[in-house]
Amino acid sequence: MSIDYSKFAIPKPSKKRTKKRNDYTDIPKSVKKIVWERDKNRCIFCHRYVPVECACCHFIPRSLGGLGIPENIFTACENDHREQDNGMNTKLYDLKVENYLKGIYGANWNKEKL
């Protein structure tokens, strides 16, 4: 007599993202271009030239539902983006981004809406 162990298997959680979440958090090419031009084609931290594809850094992360809108996106070189996301000075980088975006959008900018 054999035992059917498939009855005891625990299904793996799905890592599939919902389309609705992707639509809101993805950064359209048009937004990348707007942000890249707004940031004068430069990393907002070190001011090095970066290609338009690098205008894709979220202030409020996608994992927390950060929107793909210009008010939440900034341009950063690969090194500074990595530092801002995962570095030892993330809070300092986040404060710089927040002040930068506030300086552009003024009193209308509110991180709770991003």
N, C-alpha and C. Protein backbone atom coordinates (compact mmCIF):
# COMPACT_ATOMS: atom_id res chain seq x y z
N MET A 1 0.84 -1.17 0.00
CA MET A 1 0.00 0.00 0.00
C MET A 1 0.90 1.24 0.00
N SER A 2 0.63 2.13 -0.95
CA SER A 2 1.44 3.35 -1.01
C SER A 2 0.61 4.54 -0.52
N ILE A 3 1.33 5.50 0.01
CA ILE A 3 0.67 6.70 0.55
C ILE A 3 0.83 7.83 -0.45
N ASP A 4 -0.27 8.53 -0.69
CA ASP A 4 -0.23 9.69 -1.59
C ASP A 4 0.16 10.92 -0.77
N TYR A 5 1.44 11.30 -0.87
CA TYR A 5 1.95 12.42 -0.08
C TYR A 5 1.52 13.78 -0.63
N SER A 6 0.99 13.83 -1.83
CA SER A 6 0.59 15.11 -2.42
C SER A 6 -0.52 15.78 -1.61
N LYS A 7 -1.27 14.98 -0.86
CA LYS A 7 -2.33 15.55 -0.02
C LYS A 7 -1.76 16.38 1.11
N PHE A 8 -0.49 16.12 1.45
CA PHE A 8 0.14 16.80 2.58
C PHE A 8 1.05 17.95 2.14
N ALA A 9 1.17 18.13 0.85
CA ALA A 9 2.07 19.17 0.35
C ALA A 9 1.50 20.56 0.63
N ILE A 10 2.39 21.46 1.01
CA ILE A 10 2.00 22.84 1.25
C ILE A 10 2.30 23.62 -0.02
N PRO A 11 1.30 24.28 -0.56
CA PRO A 11 1.55 25.03 -1.80
C PRO A 11 2.51 26.21 -1.55
N LYS A 12 3.35 26.46 -2.55
CA LYS A 12 4.27 27.59 -2.45
C LYS A 12 3.50 28.88 -2.66
N PRO A 13 3.88 29.93 -1.90
CA PRO A 13 3.19 31.20 -2.11
C PRO A 13 3.51 31.76 -3.49
N SER A 14 2.55 32.41 -4.07
CA SER A 14 2.74 32.99 -5.40
C SER A 14 3.52 34.29 -5.30
N LYS A 15 4.54 34.44 -6.15
CA LYS A 15 5.32 35.67 -6.18
C LYS A 15 4.82 36.59 -7.29
N LYS A 16 3.75 36.17 -7.92
CA LYS A 16 3.21 36.91 -9.04
C LYS A 16 2.62 38.24 -8.54
N ARG A 17 2.99 39.33 -9.21
CA ARG A 17 2.46 40.64 -8.84
C ARG A 17 1.14 40.86 -9.57
N THR A 18 0.32 41.66 -8.95
CA THR A 18 -0.94 41.96 -9.61
C THR A 18 -0.71 43.03 -10.67
N LYS A 19 -1.45 42.96 -11.73
CA LYS A 19 -1.32 43.93 -12.82
C LYS A 19 -1.63 45.33 -12.32
N LYS A 20 -2.62 45.48 -11.48
CA LYS A 20 -3.02 46.79 -10.98
C LYS A 20 -1.86 47.44 -10.23
N ARG A 21 -1.19 46.70 -9.37
CA ARG A 21 -0.06 47.24 -8.62
C ARG A 21 1.06 47.65 -9.58
N ASN A 22 1.34 46.82 -10.57
CA ASN A 22 2.39 47.15 -11.55
C ASN A 22 2.04 48.41 -12.32
N ASP A 23 0.80 48.57 -12.70
CA ASP A 23 0.39 49.75 -13.47
C ASP A 23 0.67 51.02 -12.69
N TYR A 24 0.46 51.02 -11.40
CA TYR A 24 0.64 52.21 -10.59
C TYR A 24 2.09 52.45 -10.18
N THR A 25 2.86 51.39 -9.99
CA THR A 25 4.22 51.56 -9.49
C THR A 25 5.27 51.56 -10.59
N ASP A 26 4.95 51.00 -11.77
CA ASP A 26 5.88 51.05 -12.89
C ASP A 26 6.10 52.50 -13.30
N ILE A 27 7.25 52.76 -13.91
CA ILE A 27 7.55 54.11 -14.37
C ILE A 27 7.44 54.12 -15.89
N PRO A 28 6.45 54.80 -16.42
CA PRO A 28 6.33 54.89 -17.87
C PRO A 28 7.52 55.63 -18.48
N LYS A 29 7.83 55.33 -19.73
CA LYS A 29 8.94 56.00 -20.41
C LYS A 29 8.76 57.50 -20.42
N SER A 30 7.53 57.96 -20.57
CA SER A 30 7.27 59.40 -20.59
C SER A 30 7.64 60.06 -19.26
N VAL A 31 7.39 59.37 -18.15
CA VAL A 31 7.74 59.90 -16.83
C VAL A 31 9.26 59.90 -16.67
N LYS A 32 9.93 58.82 -17.11
CA LYS A 32 11.40 58.79 -17.04
C LYS A 32 12.00 59.98 -17.76
N LYS A 33 11.46 60.29 -18.94
CA LYS A 33 11.98 61.41 -19.73
C LYS A 33 11.74 62.74 -19.01
N ILE A 34 10.56 62.93 -18.46
CA ILE A 34 10.23 64.16 -17.72
C ILE A 34 11.19 64.33 -16.54
N VAL A 35 11.39 63.26 -15.77
CA VAL A 35 12.26 63.32 -14.59
C VAL A 35 13.71 63.56 -14.99
N TRP A 36 14.15 62.87 -16.02
CA TRP A 36 15.53 63.00 -16.50
C TRP A 36 15.80 64.44 -16.92
N GLU A 37 14.87 65.03 -17.66
CA GLU A 37 15.03 66.43 -18.08
C GLU A 37 14.93 67.38 -16.89
N ARG A 38 14.01 67.10 -15.97
CA ARG A 38 13.88 67.93 -14.77
C ARG A 38 15.18 67.94 -13.97
N ASP A 39 15.82 66.77 -13.89
CA ASP A 39 17.06 66.63 -13.11
C ASP A 39 18.30 66.98 -13.93
N LYS A 40 18.08 67.58 -15.10
CA LYS A 40 19.16 68.04 -15.99
C LYS A 40 20.13 66.93 -16.38
N ASN A 41 19.59 65.72 -16.56
CA ASN A 41 20.35 64.55 -17.04
C ASN A 41 21.46 64.13 -16.09
N ARG A 42 21.31 64.46 -14.82
CA ARG A 42 22.38 64.22 -13.86
C ARG A 42 21.86 63.54 -12.60
N CYS A 43 22.75 62.80 -11.96
CA CYS A 43 22.45 62.21 -10.65
C CYS A 43 22.22 63.36 -9.67
N ILE A 44 21.16 63.30 -8.89
CA ILE A 44 20.87 64.40 -7.97
C ILE A 44 21.84 64.43 -6.79
N PHE A 45 22.63 63.36 -6.61
CA PHE A 45 23.59 63.32 -5.51
C PHE A 45 24.98 63.79 -5.93
N CYS A 46 25.55 63.15 -6.95
CA CYS A 46 26.94 63.44 -7.34
C CYS A 46 27.04 64.30 -8.60
N HIS A 47 25.91 64.55 -9.26
CA HIS A 47 25.81 65.40 -10.45
C HIS A 47 26.52 64.84 -11.68
N ARG A 48 26.83 63.55 -11.69
CA ARG A 48 27.38 62.91 -12.89
C ARG A 48 26.26 62.74 -13.90
N TYR A 49 26.63 62.83 -15.18
CA TYR A 49 25.67 62.55 -16.26
C TYR A 49 25.24 61.09 -16.16
N VAL A 50 23.95 60.85 -16.36
CA VAL A 50 23.43 59.48 -16.40
C VAL A 50 22.45 59.37 -17.57
N PRO A 51 22.33 58.19 -18.18
CA PRO A 51 21.38 58.01 -19.27
C PRO A 51 19.94 58.09 -18.77
N VAL A 52 19.02 58.33 -19.69
CA VAL A 52 17.62 58.50 -19.33
C VAL A 52 17.06 57.29 -18.58
N GLU A 53 17.58 56.10 -18.83
CA GLU A 53 17.09 54.90 -18.15
C GLU A 53 17.31 54.96 -16.64
N CYS A 54 18.22 55.82 -16.19
CA CYS A 54 18.52 55.91 -14.76
C CYS A 54 17.59 56.86 -14.02
N ALA A 55 16.66 57.47 -14.74
CA ALA A 55 15.64 58.31 -14.09
C ALA A 55 14.54 57.39 -13.61
N CYS A 56 14.89 56.46 -12.74
CA CYS A 56 13.93 55.42 -12.37
C CYS A 56 13.99 55.06 -10.89
N CYS A 57 14.42 55.98 -10.08
CA CYS A 57 14.57 55.70 -8.66
C CYS A 57 13.35 56.21 -7.91
N HIS A 58 12.70 55.33 -7.18
CA HIS A 58 11.54 55.70 -6.38
C HIS A 58 11.98 56.27 -5.04
N PHE A 59 11.36 57.36 -4.60
CA PHE A 59 11.58 57.85 -3.23
C PHE A 59 10.82 56.92 -2.27
N ILE A 60 9.52 56.79 -2.47
CA ILE A 60 8.75 55.78 -1.73
C ILE A 60 8.89 54.51 -2.56
N PRO A 61 9.49 53.45 -2.02
CA PRO A 61 9.77 52.25 -2.80
C PRO A 61 8.52 51.59 -3.38
N ARG A 62 8.72 50.92 -4.49
CA ARG A 62 7.63 50.15 -5.11
C ARG A 62 7.07 49.13 -4.13
N SER A 63 7.95 48.54 -3.34
CA SER A 63 7.50 47.50 -2.39
C SER A 63 6.52 48.06 -1.36
N LEU A 64 6.54 49.37 -1.17
CA LEU A 64 5.60 50.01 -0.24
C LEU A 64 4.47 50.73 -0.99
N GLY A 65 4.37 50.44 -2.30
CA GLY A 65 3.31 51.02 -3.10
C GLY A 65 3.65 52.36 -3.71
N GLY A 66 4.94 52.73 -3.72
CA GLY A 66 5.35 54.01 -4.29
C GLY A 66 4.96 54.12 -5.75
N LEU A 67 4.36 55.22 -6.10
CA LEU A 67 3.82 55.43 -7.44
C LEU A 67 4.91 55.79 -8.44
N GLY A 68 4.66 55.50 -9.69
CA GLY A 68 5.57 55.84 -10.78
C GLY A 68 5.24 57.19 -11.37
N ILE A 69 5.23 58.23 -10.52
CA ILE A 69 4.90 59.59 -10.94
C ILE A 69 6.11 60.49 -10.70
N PRO A 70 6.24 61.60 -11.44
CA PRO A 70 7.43 62.45 -11.29
C PRO A 70 7.70 62.90 -9.86
N GLU A 71 6.66 63.12 -9.08
CA GLU A 71 6.83 63.59 -7.70
C GLU A 71 7.48 62.53 -6.80
N ASN A 72 7.56 61.28 -7.26
CA ASN A 72 8.14 60.20 -6.47
C ASN A 72 9.41 59.63 -7.11
N ILE A 73 9.80 60.16 -8.26
CA ILE A 73 10.92 59.60 -9.01
C ILE A 73 12.05 60.62 -9.08
N PHE A 74 13.28 60.12 -9.05
CA PHE A 74 14.45 60.98 -9.21
C PHE A 74 15.51 60.25 -10.00
N THR A 75 16.51 61.00 -10.46
CA THR A 75 17.60 60.44 -11.25
C THR A 75 18.80 60.23 -10.36
N ALA A 76 19.40 59.04 -10.44
CA ALA A 76 20.60 58.74 -9.66
C ALA A 76 21.49 57.79 -10.45
N CYS A 77 22.80 57.98 -10.28
CA CYS A 77 23.73 57.04 -10.89
C CYS A 77 23.60 55.69 -10.17
N GLU A 78 24.16 54.67 -10.77
CA GLU A 78 24.02 53.32 -10.22
C GLU A 78 24.56 53.22 -8.79
N ASN A 79 25.72 53.82 -8.54
CA ASN A 79 26.32 53.74 -7.20
C ASN A 79 25.47 54.44 -6.15
N ASP A 80 25.03 55.65 -6.46
CA ASP A 80 24.23 56.39 -5.47
C ASP A 80 22.85 55.78 -5.28
N HIS A 81 22.28 55.21 -6.34
CA HIS A 81 20.99 54.54 -6.20
C HIS A 81 21.12 53.33 -5.27
N ARG A 82 22.18 52.57 -5.46
CA ARG A 82 22.41 51.41 -4.60
C ARG A 82 22.60 51.86 -3.15
N GLU A 83 23.35 52.93 -2.94
CA GLU A 83 23.57 53.46 -1.59
C GLU A 83 22.26 53.93 -0.98
N GLN A 84 21.45 54.61 -1.78
CA GLN A 84 20.17 55.11 -1.28
C GLN A 84 19.24 53.96 -0.93
N ASP A 85 19.24 52.91 -1.73
CA ASP A 85 18.36 51.76 -1.48
C ASP A 85 18.86 50.87 -0.34
N ASN A 86 20.16 50.57 -0.33
CA ASN A 86 20.66 49.52 0.55
C ASN A 86 21.90 49.89 1.35
N GLY A 87 22.33 51.11 1.29
CA GLY A 87 23.60 51.48 1.90
C GLY A 87 23.51 51.78 3.38
N MET A 88 24.66 52.11 3.92
CA MET A 88 24.73 52.42 5.35
C MET A 88 24.17 53.81 5.65
N ASN A 89 24.06 54.66 4.62
CA ASN A 89 23.58 56.03 4.81
C ASN A 89 22.22 56.25 4.15
N THR A 90 21.38 55.24 4.13
CA THR A 90 20.09 55.32 3.46
C THR A 90 19.26 56.48 3.99
N LYS A 91 19.23 56.68 5.28
CA LYS A 91 18.42 57.76 5.85
C LYS A 91 18.91 59.12 5.39
N LEU A 92 20.21 59.29 5.29
CA LEU A 92 20.78 60.55 4.82
C LEU A 92 20.41 60.77 3.35
N TYR A 93 20.54 59.74 2.54
CA TYR A 93 20.16 59.84 1.12
C TYR A 93 18.67 60.15 1.00
N ASP A 94 17.83 59.47 1.78
CA ASP A 94 16.39 59.72 1.72
C ASP A 94 16.05 61.16 2.10
N LEU A 95 16.74 61.70 3.08
CA LEU A 95 16.52 63.09 3.47
C LEU A 95 16.91 64.04 2.34
N LYS A 96 18.03 63.74 1.66
CA LYS A 96 18.44 64.56 0.52
C LYS A 96 17.40 64.51 -0.60
N VAL A 97 16.87 63.32 -0.88
CA VAL A 97 15.85 63.19 -1.93
C VAL A 97 14.60 63.95 -1.53
N GLU A 98 14.17 63.78 -0.30
CA GLU A 98 12.96 64.47 0.17
C GLU A 98 13.12 65.99 0.04
N ASN A 99 14.25 66.53 0.47
CA ASN A 99 14.49 67.96 0.37
C ASN A 99 14.56 68.42 -1.09
N TYR A 100 15.16 67.59 -1.93
CA TYR A 100 15.27 67.90 -3.36
C TYR A 100 13.87 68.00 -3.98
N LEU A 101 13.04 66.99 -3.74
CA LEU A 101 11.70 66.97 -4.32
C LEU A 101 10.82 68.09 -3.74
N LYS A 102 10.96 68.37 -2.46
CA LYS A 102 10.23 69.49 -1.85
C LYS A 102 10.64 70.80 -2.49
N GLY A 103 11.93 70.94 -2.78
CA GLY A 103 12.44 72.15 -3.41
C GLY A 103 11.87 72.36 -4.80
N ILE A 104 11.57 71.29 -5.50
CA ILE A 104 11.00 71.39 -6.85
C ILE A 104 9.50 71.62 -6.80
N TYR A 105 8.79 70.84 -5.99
CA TYR A 105 7.33 70.87 -5.99
C TYR A 105 6.72 71.75 -4.91
N GLY A 106 7.53 72.25 -4.00
CA GLY A 106 7.06 73.17 -2.98
C GLY A 106 6.06 72.57 -2.01
N ALA A 107 5.17 73.42 -1.53
CA ALA A 107 4.20 73.03 -0.50
C ALA A 107 3.22 71.98 -1.00
N ASN A 108 3.07 71.83 -2.31
CA ASN A 108 2.14 70.84 -2.87
C ASN A 108 2.66 69.41 -2.76
N TRP A 109 3.99 69.26 -2.52
CA TRP A 109 4.57 67.93 -2.46
C TRP A 109 4.30 67.32 -1.10
N ASN A 110 3.76 66.12 -1.10
CA ASN A 110 3.42 65.43 0.15
C ASN A 110 3.73 63.95 0.00
N LYS A 111 4.68 63.46 0.79
CA LYS A 111 5.11 62.06 0.59
C LYS A 111 4.02 61.05 0.90
N GLU A 112 2.99 61.43 1.64
CA GLU A 112 1.89 60.51 1.90
C GLU A 112 1.06 60.24 0.64
N LYS A 113 1.18 61.10 -0.37
CA LYS A 113 0.42 60.93 -1.60
C LYS A 113 1.20 60.17 -2.68
N LEU A 114 2.41 59.74 -2.34
CA LEU A 114 3.25 59.11 -3.34
C LEU A 114 3.10 57.60 -3.31
